[in-house]
N, C-alpha and C. Protein backbone atom coordinates (compact mmCIF):
# COMPACT_ATOMS: atom_id res chain seq x y z
N ALA A 1 -22.36 5.69 22.92
CA ALA A 1 -21.35 5.70 21.62
C ALA A 1 -20.62 6.59 20.77
N SER A 2 -21.15 7.83 20.75
CA SER A 2 -20.07 8.42 20.12
C SER A 2 -18.67 9.37 20.79
N ASN A 3 -18.94 8.96 21.88
CA ASN A 3 -18.18 9.28 22.12
C ASN A 3 -16.24 8.60 22.67
N SER A 4 -17.38 6.68 22.08
CA SER A 4 -16.36 5.40 22.17
C SER A 4 -15.55 5.60 20.73
N VAL A 5 -15.73 6.55 20.25
CA VAL A 5 -15.53 7.10 18.55
C VAL A 5 -14.03 7.99 18.64
N LEU A 6 -14.26 8.64 19.75
CA LEU A 6 -13.20 9.62 19.66
C LEU A 6 -12.47 9.09 20.90
N ASN A 7 -12.36 7.36 21.62
CA ASN A 7 -12.05 7.18 22.52
C ASN A 7 -10.65 6.06 21.79
N PRO A 8 -9.43 6.96 22.49
CA PRO A 8 -8.54 5.76 21.46
C PRO A 8 -8.44 4.74 22.34
N ARG A 9 -8.75 4.56 22.91
CA ARG A 9 -8.21 2.97 23.81
C ARG A 9 -10.01 2.35 23.41
N GLY A 10 -10.05 3.18 23.05
CA GLY A 10 -12.07 2.35 21.83
C GLY A 10 -11.72 2.06 20.16
N CYS A 11 -11.18 2.82 20.64
CA CYS A 11 -10.79 2.82 18.47
C CYS A 11 -9.35 2.11 18.77
N ARG A 12 -8.56 1.84 19.33
CA ARG A 12 -7.55 -0.23 19.04
C ARG A 12 -7.97 -0.79 18.50
N GLY A 13 -9.22 -1.39 19.11
CA GLY A 13 -9.95 -2.39 18.78
C GLY A 13 -10.87 -2.51 17.41
N ASN A 14 -10.32 -1.58 16.82
CA ASN A 14 -11.45 -1.30 15.51
C ASN A 14 -10.36 -0.59 14.54
N SER A 15 -9.36 -0.51 14.65
CA SER A 15 -8.27 0.11 13.53
C SER A 15 -9.60 0.36 11.89
N ILE A 16 -9.84 -0.66 11.93
CA ILE A 16 -10.84 -0.20 9.91
C ILE A 16 -11.43 1.09 10.60
N TYR A 17 -11.91 0.94 11.36
CA TYR A 17 -13.06 2.19 10.94
C TYR A 17 -11.61 3.12 11.79
N THR A 18 -10.61 3.27 12.36
CA THR A 18 -10.30 4.41 13.13
C THR A 18 -9.90 4.74 11.77
N SER A 19 -9.03 3.99 11.16
CA SER A 19 -8.56 4.26 9.07
C SER A 19 -9.03 5.68 8.83
N LEU A 20 -10.45 4.66 8.12
CA LEU A 20 -11.46 5.70 8.01
C LEU A 20 -12.05 6.91 8.35
N LEU A 21 -11.57 7.37 9.56
CA LEU A 21 -12.43 8.26 10.35
C LEU A 21 -10.71 8.88 10.21
N PHE A 22 -9.33 8.60 9.74
CA PHE A 22 -8.91 9.54 9.65
C PHE A 22 -8.32 9.82 8.19
N LEU A 23 -8.73 8.87 7.28
CA LEU A 23 -8.49 9.35 6.02
C LEU A 23 -9.57 10.56 6.02
N ASN A 24 -10.43 9.94 5.93
CA ASN A 24 -11.99 11.11 5.68
C ASN A 24 -11.28 12.49 6.37
N LEU A 25 -10.45 12.58 7.43
CA LEU A 25 -11.06 13.87 8.26
C LEU A 25 -8.67 15.09 7.02
N GLN A 26 -9.30 13.89 5.97
CA GLN A 26 -8.30 14.24 5.66
C GLN A 26 -8.32 15.82 4.58
N ILE A 27 -9.72 15.23 4.26
CA ILE A 27 -9.98 16.20 3.47
C ILE A 27 -9.50 18.20 3.86
N THR A 28 -8.25 18.83 3.16
CA THR A 28 -7.62 19.43 3.62
C THR A 28 -8.17 21.15 3.49
N ARG A 29 -8.97 21.00 1.87
CA ARG A 29 -9.80 22.14 1.86
C ARG A 29 -10.24 22.91 2.30
N LEU A 30 -11.25 21.79 2.70
CA LEU A 30 -12.89 22.39 3.77
C LEU A 30 -11.85 23.30 5.09
N GLU A 31 -11.68 24.71 4.80
CA GLU A 31 -11.15 25.34 6.18
C GLU A 31 -11.83 25.18 7.42
N GLN A 32 -13.25 26.22 6.57
CA GLN A 32 -14.25 26.68 7.31
C GLN A 32 -14.90 25.98 7.90
N THR A 33 -14.75 24.77 7.51
CA THR A 33 -15.88 24.00 7.81
C THR A 33 -14.98 23.22 8.91
N TRP A 34 -13.73 22.86 9.38
CA TRP A 34 -12.89 22.23 10.08
C TRP A 34 -13.09 23.72 11.36
N ARG A 35 -13.08 24.31 10.56
CA ARG A 35 -12.49 25.27 12.71
C ARG A 35 -13.65 25.31 12.65
N HIS A 36 -14.95 25.55 12.37
CA HIS A 36 -16.18 25.81 12.65
C HIS A 36 -16.57 24.33 13.61
N LEU A 37 -16.51 23.32 13.16
CA LEU A 37 -16.01 21.83 13.30
C LEU A 37 -15.14 21.96 15.67
N ARG A 38 -14.44 22.60 14.98
CA ARG A 38 -12.92 22.63 15.93
C ARG A 38 -13.48 23.52 17.15
N GLN A 39 -14.32 24.80 16.54
CA GLN A 39 -14.82 25.87 17.60
C GLN A 39 -16.17 25.02 18.19
N SER A 40 -16.25 23.90 17.08
CA SER A 40 -17.99 23.60 17.82
C SER A 40 -18.28 22.13 19.16
N HIS A 41 -17.67 21.32 18.91
CA HIS A 41 -16.87 20.15 19.32
C HIS A 41 -15.30 20.03 19.84
N THR A 42 -14.78 21.47 20.46
CA THR A 42 -13.37 21.34 21.07
C THR A 42 -13.20 19.98 22.44
N ALA A 43 -14.01 19.51 22.68
CA ALA A 43 -13.03 18.29 23.81
C ALA A 43 -12.55 17.76 22.70
N SER A 44 -13.42 17.19 21.95
CA SER A 44 -13.32 16.39 20.72
C SER A 44 -12.01 16.73 20.02
N ALA A 45 -12.01 17.70 19.84
CA ALA A 45 -11.07 18.72 18.56
C ALA A 45 -9.51 18.20 19.10
N ILE A 46 -9.65 17.61 21.18
CA ILE A 46 -8.37 18.05 21.51
C ILE A 46 -7.85 16.73 21.71
N VAL A 47 -9.38 15.35 22.04
CA VAL A 47 -8.90 14.32 21.51
C VAL A 47 -7.79 14.16 20.36
N TYR A 48 -8.36 14.73 19.29
CA TYR A 48 -8.36 13.90 17.58
C TYR A 48 -6.41 14.81 18.22
N GLU A 49 -6.22 15.89 18.56
CA GLU A 49 -5.29 16.45 18.29
C GLU A 49 -4.18 15.17 18.73
N LYS A 50 -4.15 15.49 20.14
CA LYS A 50 -3.72 15.30 21.51
C LYS A 50 -3.16 13.32 20.73
N ASP A 51 -4.58 12.31 20.77
CA ASP A 51 -5.17 10.95 20.86
C ASP A 51 -4.52 10.51 19.63
N LEU A 52 -5.58 11.02 18.75
CA LEU A 52 -6.21 10.53 18.36
C LEU A 52 -5.23 10.14 16.65
N LYS A 53 -4.52 12.12 16.38
CA LYS A 53 -3.97 11.83 15.46
C LYS A 53 -2.09 10.42 15.26
N PRO A 54 -2.08 11.22 16.65
CA PRO A 54 -0.62 10.21 17.59
C PRO A 54 -0.64 8.74 17.21
N LEU A 55 -1.93 9.06 17.10
CA LEU A 55 -2.60 7.18 17.84
C LEU A 55 -2.10 6.39 15.98
N LEU A 56 -3.14 7.41 14.94
CA LEU A 56 -2.45 7.10 13.36
C LEU A 56 -1.31 6.41 12.92
N GLY A 57 -0.26 7.77 13.75
CA GLY A 57 0.95 7.52 13.65
C GLY A 57 1.77 6.33 13.66
N ASN A 58 1.60 6.48 14.94
CA ASN A 58 1.93 5.01 14.81
C ASN A 58 1.62 4.32 14.66
N LEU A 59 0.37 3.70 14.49
CA LEU A 59 0.22 2.56 13.25
C LEU A 59 0.57 2.45 12.07
N ASN A 60 0.19 3.98 11.21
CA ASN A 60 1.32 3.93 10.33
C ASN A 60 2.77 3.51 9.98
N ARG A 61 3.28 3.71 10.81
CA ARG A 61 4.90 3.27 11.03
C ARG A 61 5.02 2.50 12.46
N ALA A 62 4.17 1.85 12.11
CA ALA A 62 4.06 -0.10 13.02
C ALA A 62 5.15 0.33 14.54
N GLU A 63 4.52 2.14 15.11
CA GLU A 63 5.23 1.04 16.42
C GLU A 63 4.56 1.27 17.81
N GLY A 64 5.14 1.45 18.59
CA GLY A 64 4.16 1.03 20.01
C GLY A 64 4.39 -0.31 20.54
N ASN A 65 4.45 -0.60 21.28
CA ASN A 65 3.70 -1.83 22.14
C ASN A 65 1.91 -2.82 21.95
N SER A 66 1.00 -1.81 22.24
CA SER A 66 0.66 -2.79 21.79
C SER A 66 -0.26 -1.93 20.69
N VAL A 67 0.19 -2.22 19.87
CA VAL A 67 -0.34 -1.40 18.78
C VAL A 67 -0.78 -3.16 17.80
N PHE A 68 -0.01 -3.54 17.85
CA PHE A 68 -1.00 -5.00 17.19
C PHE A 68 -1.32 -6.18 18.05
N SER A 69 -1.48 -5.19 19.22
CA SER A 69 -1.37 -6.52 20.79
C SER A 69 -3.14 -7.76 19.81
N PRO A 70 -2.79 -9.08 20.11
CA PRO A 70 -3.96 -9.34 19.75
C PRO A 70 -4.77 -9.66 21.30
N LYS A 71 -4.85 -8.65 22.52
CA LYS A 71 -5.22 -8.98 23.93
C LYS A 71 -6.45 -7.21 23.35
N GLU A 72 -5.84 -7.51 22.36
CA GLU A 72 -6.68 -5.71 22.12
C GLU A 72 -7.18 -5.36 21.18
N VAL A 73 -6.13 -5.48 20.22
CA VAL A 73 -7.17 -5.42 19.08
C VAL A 73 -8.25 -7.22 18.32
N THR A 74 -9.49 -6.72 17.53
CA THR A 74 -9.74 -7.42 16.54
C THR A 74 -8.75 -7.63 15.79
N VAL A 75 -9.65 -6.70 14.82
CA VAL A 75 -8.88 -6.34 13.70
C VAL A 75 -7.50 -5.83 13.64
N PRO A 76 -6.40 -6.09 13.11
CA PRO A 76 -5.34 -5.27 13.17
C PRO A 76 -4.88 -3.89 12.39
N HIS A 77 -4.03 -3.08 12.25
CA HIS A 77 -4.13 -2.19 11.28
C HIS A 77 -2.72 -2.66 10.13
N ILE A 78 -3.32 -3.06 9.07
CA ILE A 78 -2.59 -3.30 8.03
C ILE A 78 -3.01 -2.67 6.65
N LEU A 79 -3.03 -1.73 6.80
CA LEU A 79 -3.17 -0.38 5.81
C LEU A 79 -1.70 0.00 5.07
N PRO A 80 -0.50 -0.01 5.39
CA PRO A 80 0.87 0.15 5.84
C PRO A 80 1.13 -1.04 4.16
N LEU A 81 1.27 -2.41 5.63
CA LEU A 81 1.50 -3.28 4.23
C LEU A 81 0.72 -2.94 2.75
N LEU A 82 -0.58 -3.56 2.72
CA LEU A 82 -1.53 -2.95 1.79
C LEU A 82 -1.00 -1.56 0.76
N SER A 83 -0.81 -1.15 1.41
CA SER A 83 0.09 0.17 1.18
C SER A 83 1.35 0.16 -0.33
N LEU A 84 2.22 -0.57 0.94
CA LEU A 84 3.23 -1.35 0.57
C LEU A 84 3.56 -2.07 -0.65
N MET A 85 2.29 -3.44 -0.13
CA MET A 85 2.19 -4.20 -1.10
C MET A 85 1.95 -3.75 -2.49
N GLU A 86 0.78 -2.64 -3.11
CA GLU A 86 0.05 -2.08 -4.55
C GLU A 86 1.53 -1.20 -4.61
N GLY A 87 2.98 -0.88 -4.34
CA GLY A 87 3.88 0.03 -4.64
C GLY A 87 3.56 1.56 -4.08
N GLU A 88 3.20 1.91 -3.55
CA GLU A 88 2.78 3.03 -2.88
C GLU A 88 4.52 2.93 -1.44
N GLN A 89 4.44 4.38 -1.82
CA GLN A 89 5.45 4.58 -0.81
C GLN A 89 4.82 5.16 0.71
N LEU A 90 5.51 4.93 1.79
CA LEU A 90 4.30 4.63 2.97
C LEU A 90 4.89 5.88 4.17
N TRP A 91 6.10 6.59 3.35
CA TRP A 91 7.06 7.97 4.37
C TRP A 91 7.41 8.69 3.45
N ASP A 92 7.75 9.77 4.38
CA ASP A 92 8.51 10.56 3.69
C ASP A 92 10.19 10.35 3.42
N ASP A 93 11.07 11.28 2.27
CA ASP A 93 12.56 11.06 2.52
C ASP A 93 12.94 11.67 3.80
N ASN A 94 13.09 10.77 5.12
CA ASN A 94 13.93 10.97 5.70
C ASN A 94 14.58 9.76 6.16
N GLU A 95 15.32 9.70 7.55
CA GLU A 95 16.28 9.12 7.73
C GLU A 95 15.87 7.86 8.42
N GLU A 96 14.58 7.22 8.57
CA GLU A 96 13.41 6.60 9.31
C GLU A 96 13.20 5.30 8.43
N THR A 97 13.53 5.77 6.84
CA THR A 97 13.28 5.14 5.94
C THR A 97 12.48 3.42 5.93
N CYS A 98 14.00 3.25 6.25
CA CYS A 98 14.34 1.43 5.86
C CYS A 98 13.82 1.07 8.05
N ASP A 99 13.90 1.67 8.72
CA ASP A 99 12.65 1.16 9.91
C ASP A 99 11.93 1.41 10.03
N VAL A 100 10.92 2.50 8.90
CA VAL A 100 10.17 2.25 8.75
C VAL A 100 9.26 1.13 7.94
N LEU A 101 10.26 0.73 7.31
CA LEU A 101 9.86 -0.55 6.01
C LEU A 101 10.14 -1.39 7.18
N LEU A 102 11.62 -1.66 7.63
CA LEU A 102 11.24 -3.28 8.27
C LEU A 102 10.35 -3.16 9.46
N ARG A 103 10.23 -2.14 10.29
CA ARG A 103 8.86 -2.06 11.27
C ARG A 103 7.13 -2.91 10.78
N THR A 104 7.45 -1.71 9.53
CA THR A 104 5.84 -2.27 8.38
C THR A 104 6.13 -4.02 8.51
N LEU A 105 7.21 -4.89 8.03
CA LEU A 105 7.66 -6.37 7.72
C LEU A 105 6.99 -6.93 8.86
N GLU A 106 7.66 -6.28 10.29
CA GLU A 106 7.68 -7.44 11.18
C GLU A 106 6.44 -7.13 11.57
N ALA A 107 5.63 -6.12 11.29
CA ALA A 107 4.41 -5.85 11.67
C ALA A 107 3.26 -6.71 11.00
N ALA A 108 3.67 -7.24 9.99
CA ALA A 108 3.18 -8.40 9.09
C ALA A 108 3.10 -9.56 9.04
N CYS A 109 4.31 -10.04 9.49
CA CYS A 109 5.18 -11.10 10.21
C CYS A 109 3.94 -11.56 11.81
N PHE A 110 4.24 -10.37 12.95
CA PHE A 110 3.29 -10.48 13.14
C PHE A 110 1.99 -10.72 13.53
N VAL A 111 1.44 -9.85 12.63
CA VAL A 111 0.49 -9.80 12.62
C VAL A 111 -0.73 -11.66 12.18
N ALA A 112 0.09 -12.11 10.50
CA ALA A 112 1.09 -13.81 10.15
C ALA A 112 0.33 -14.87 11.15
N THR A 113 1.54 -14.36 11.91
CA THR A 113 1.32 -15.47 12.89
C THR A 113 0.41 -15.23 14.31
N ASN A 114 -0.05 -14.61 14.56
CA ASN A 114 -1.22 -13.99 14.97
C ASN A 114 -2.00 -13.90 15.20
N THR A 115 -2.85 -15.00 13.55
CA THR A 115 -4.32 -15.64 13.42
C THR A 115 -5.11 -15.35 14.29
N GLY A 116 -4.69 -16.31 14.53
CA GLY A 116 -5.97 -17.41 15.26
C GLY A 116 -6.05 -16.57 16.84
N ALA A 117 -5.10 -15.58 17.47
CA ALA A 117 -5.42 -14.68 18.42
C ALA A 117 -6.20 -13.87 18.38
N TYR A 118 -6.67 -12.86 16.61
CA TYR A 118 -6.53 -12.12 16.10
C TYR A 118 -8.41 -12.77 16.05
N ARG A 119 -7.90 -13.84 16.14
CA ARG A 119 -10.20 -14.57 15.34
C ARG A 119 -10.56 -15.05 16.53
N ILE A 120 -10.16 -15.22 17.87
CA ILE A 120 -10.44 -15.56 19.29
C ILE A 120 -11.00 -14.10 19.39
N ARG A 121 -10.25 -13.54 19.66
CA ARG A 121 -10.61 -12.41 20.43
C ARG A 121 -12.24 -11.85 18.88
N ALA A 122 -12.07 -11.74 17.90
CA ALA A 122 -12.98 -11.05 17.30
C ALA A 122 -14.30 -12.30 17.48
N GLU A 123 -13.75 -13.73 18.12
CA GLU A 123 -15.20 -14.05 18.66
C GLU A 123 -15.80 -14.07 19.36
N ALA A 124 -15.66 -13.48 20.46
CA ALA A 124 -16.01 -13.26 21.28
C ALA A 124 -16.47 -12.32 21.44
N ARG A 125 -15.68 -10.97 20.81
CA ARG A 125 -16.91 -9.77 20.57
C ARG A 125 -18.00 -10.00 19.79
N LEU A 126 -18.12 -10.75 18.62
CA LEU A 126 -19.09 -10.97 17.91
C LEU A 126 -20.53 -12.19 18.45
N GLN A 127 -20.03 -12.72 19.55
CA GLN A 127 -20.41 -13.81 20.11
C GLN A 127 -22.29 -13.89 20.29
N GLU A 128 -22.75 -12.62 20.76
CA GLU A 128 -24.41 -12.03 19.80
C GLU A 128 -24.42 -11.98 18.35
N PHE A 129 -23.88 -11.75 17.75
CA PHE A 129 -23.86 -11.10 16.06
C PHE A 129 -24.53 -11.58 15.78
N LYS A 130 -25.50 -11.75 15.15
CA LYS A 130 -26.10 -12.90 13.91
C LYS A 130 -26.06 -11.90 12.77
N SER A 131 -25.42 -12.63 11.78
CA SER A 131 -24.74 -12.04 10.53
C SER A 131 -26.77 -12.65 9.17
N THR A 132 -26.37 -12.54 8.65
CA THR A 132 -27.09 -11.81 7.14
C THR A 132 -26.36 -11.55 5.98
N ALA A 133 -26.62 -12.67 4.96
CA ALA A 133 -26.00 -12.71 3.51
C ALA A 133 -25.93 -11.38 2.88
N GLU A 134 -27.32 -10.66 3.10
CA GLU A 134 -27.37 -9.05 2.74
C GLU A 134 -26.52 -8.08 3.69
N LEU A 135 -26.11 -8.97 4.52
CA LEU A 135 -25.19 -7.80 5.52
C LEU A 135 -23.67 -8.12 4.74
N LEU A 136 -23.14 -8.87 4.89
CA LEU A 136 -22.31 -10.04 4.74
C LEU A 136 -21.58 -9.09 3.13
N GLU A 137 -22.83 -8.92 2.51
CA GLU A 137 -22.94 -8.05 1.27
C GLU A 137 -22.16 -7.44 1.40
N VAL A 138 -22.46 -5.89 2.25
CA VAL A 138 -22.31 -5.47 2.36
C VAL A 138 -20.25 -5.02 2.08
N PHE A 139 -19.84 -6.40 3.18
CA PHE A 139 -18.43 -5.80 2.99
C PHE A 139 -17.55 -6.18 2.02
N GLN A 140 -18.04 -6.47 0.64
CA GLN A 140 -17.88 -7.10 -0.61
C GLN A 140 -17.36 -5.44 -1.26
N THR A 141 -15.55 -5.74 -1.39
CA THR A 141 -15.35 -4.89 -2.47
C THR A 141 -15.62 -4.94 -3.52
N GLU A 142 -16.28 -5.94 -3.75
CA GLU A 142 -17.85 -5.17 -5.31
C GLU A 142 -18.98 -4.84 -5.51
N LEU A 143 -19.25 -4.82 -4.52
CA LEU A 143 -20.97 -3.89 -4.35
C LEU A 143 -20.47 -2.48 -3.65
N SER A 144 -19.38 -2.33 -2.63
CA SER A 144 -18.68 -0.95 -2.25
C SER A 144 -18.23 -0.06 -4.01
N LEU A 145 -17.31 -0.91 -4.82
CA LEU A 145 -17.37 -0.22 -5.90
C LEU A 145 -18.30 0.09 -6.75
N ARG A 146 -19.71 -0.35 -6.62
CA ARG A 146 -20.26 -0.28 -7.65
C ARG A 146 -21.10 0.70 -6.91
N LEU A 147 -21.09 1.12 -5.30
CA LEU A 147 -22.37 1.69 -4.89
C LEU A 147 -21.48 3.18 -5.23
N PHE A 148 -20.16 3.24 -4.71
CA PHE A 148 -19.84 4.58 -5.06
C PHE A 148 -19.51 4.56 -6.44
N TRP A 149 -18.82 4.02 -7.20
CA TRP A 149 -18.53 4.33 -9.02
C TRP A 149 -19.55 3.69 -9.94
N GLY A 150 -20.58 3.22 -9.84
CA GLY A 150 -21.63 2.93 -10.73
C GLY A 150 -20.64 1.28 -11.62
N SER A 151 -21.30 0.18 -11.75
CA SER A 151 -21.14 0.46 -12.98
C SER A 151 -19.47 -0.35 -13.97
N LYS A 152 -19.99 1.31 -14.32
CA LYS A 152 -18.99 1.19 -15.93
C LYS A 152 -17.97 1.67 -14.74
N GLY A 153 -17.81 2.32 -13.79
CA GLY A 153 -16.82 3.20 -12.84
C GLY A 153 -16.13 2.15 -12.17
N ALA A 154 -17.16 1.21 -11.74
CA ALA A 154 -16.13 -0.13 -10.77
C ALA A 154 -14.68 -1.01 -11.90
N GLN A 155 -15.82 -0.56 -13.10
CA GLN A 155 -14.61 -1.52 -14.13
C GLN A 155 -13.14 -0.39 -14.73
N ALA A 156 -13.35 0.68 -13.91
CA ALA A 156 -12.11 1.78 -14.60
C ALA A 156 -10.90 1.71 -13.15
N GLU A 157 -9.53 1.89 -14.45
CA GLU A 157 -8.34 2.17 -13.40
C GLU A 157 -8.41 2.40 -11.83
N ARG A 158 -7.89 2.22 -11.36
CA ARG A 158 -7.99 2.82 -9.79
C ARG A 158 -7.51 4.15 -10.01
N GLY A 159 -6.18 4.80 -10.07
CA GLY A 159 -5.83 5.93 -10.54
C GLY A 159 -6.80 6.94 -10.80
N GLU A 160 -7.73 5.76 -12.41
CA GLU A 160 -8.41 7.32 -12.51
C GLU A 160 -9.69 7.39 -12.39
N ARG A 161 -10.64 6.00 -11.51
CA ARG A 161 -11.13 6.99 -10.11
C ARG A 161 -10.76 7.98 -8.88
N TYR A 162 -9.33 7.68 -9.00
CA TYR A 162 -9.24 8.41 -7.49
C TYR A 162 -9.27 10.02 -7.98
N LYS A 163 -8.44 9.76 -9.08
CA LYS A 163 -8.37 11.46 -9.97
C LYS A 163 -10.18 12.44 -10.06
N LYS A 164 -11.21 10.74 -9.98
CA LYS A 164 -12.09 11.65 -10.18
C LYS A 164 -12.84 12.23 -9.24
N PHE A 165 -12.49 11.29 -8.03
CA PHE A 165 -12.45 11.55 -7.02
C PHE A 165 -13.12 12.59 -6.28
N GLU A 166 -10.94 13.10 -6.52
CA GLU A 166 -10.05 13.63 -5.67
C GLU A 166 -10.77 15.30 -7.05
N ARG A 167 -11.15 15.17 -8.12
CA ARG A 167 -11.61 16.03 -8.58
C ARG A 167 -13.15 16.77 -8.19
N ILE A 168 -13.55 15.52 -7.68
CA ILE A 168 -15.23 15.88 -6.68
C ILE A 168 -15.80 16.49 -5.50
N LEU A 169 -14.37 15.43 -5.19
CA LEU A 169 -14.32 16.70 -3.39
C LEU A 169 -13.65 18.05 -3.48
N THR A 170 -13.21 18.62 -4.79
CA THR A 170 -12.67 20.29 -5.07
C THR A 170 -13.61 20.76 -5.27
N VAL A 171 -14.33 20.04 -6.11
CA VAL A 171 -15.95 20.81 -6.27
C VAL A 171 -17.01 21.14 -4.92
N LEU A 172 -16.81 19.99 -4.81
CA LEU A 172 -17.92 20.28 -2.84
C LEU A 172 -16.53 21.22 -1.64
N SER A 173 -16.18 20.60 -1.98
CA SER A 173 -15.26 22.11 -1.25
C SER A 173 -14.62 23.20 -1.86
N GLN A 174 -15.19 23.38 -2.32
CA GLN A 174 -15.01 25.08 -3.21
C GLN A 174 -16.74 25.83 -3.10
N LYS A 175 -17.27 24.32 -3.35
CA LYS A 175 -19.11 24.78 -2.80
C LYS A 175 -19.84 25.44 -1.76
N LEU A 176 -18.70 24.34 -1.14
CA LEU A 176 -18.91 24.67 0.50
C LEU A 176 -18.41 25.97 1.28
N GLU A 177 -17.26 26.57 0.98
CA GLU A 177 -16.38 27.61 1.13
C GLU A 177 -16.93 29.02 0.16
């Protein structure tokens, strides 16, 4: 099961968790820990650098033919569109700015047009899955906000929460190093 996480073909159908994997790997201050992981798990590190990291780049730039294919993907990677809608800049200042914006918007149109195909693919994958009210609650934004930030923190502004989270990560990484 853990091997499928590091297999880019297995990750394509699970864009949300692939994105989370990459976002969690962006904690750069943990240099010694990261170095130790790379030495202990060389094969996984090679797969990450060779396949998964470029895949995330392609997903974020909406590049590649099968990035949004309803035949392979159950939940498409819409993080770039969501970031764009929140007013965040998706790209570095370079010559491809307009191209990346255009591809992101085209990908959003493609995803919206093919929601039925994504639904069919997801239903086929989840045929034997039995959901419960408690399990569905786990996927609600309100629960994760309360879980991570507490009831008071869940009501705070997003930027304030991010600053606090960044301070926590900094303290933890300094302690581990």
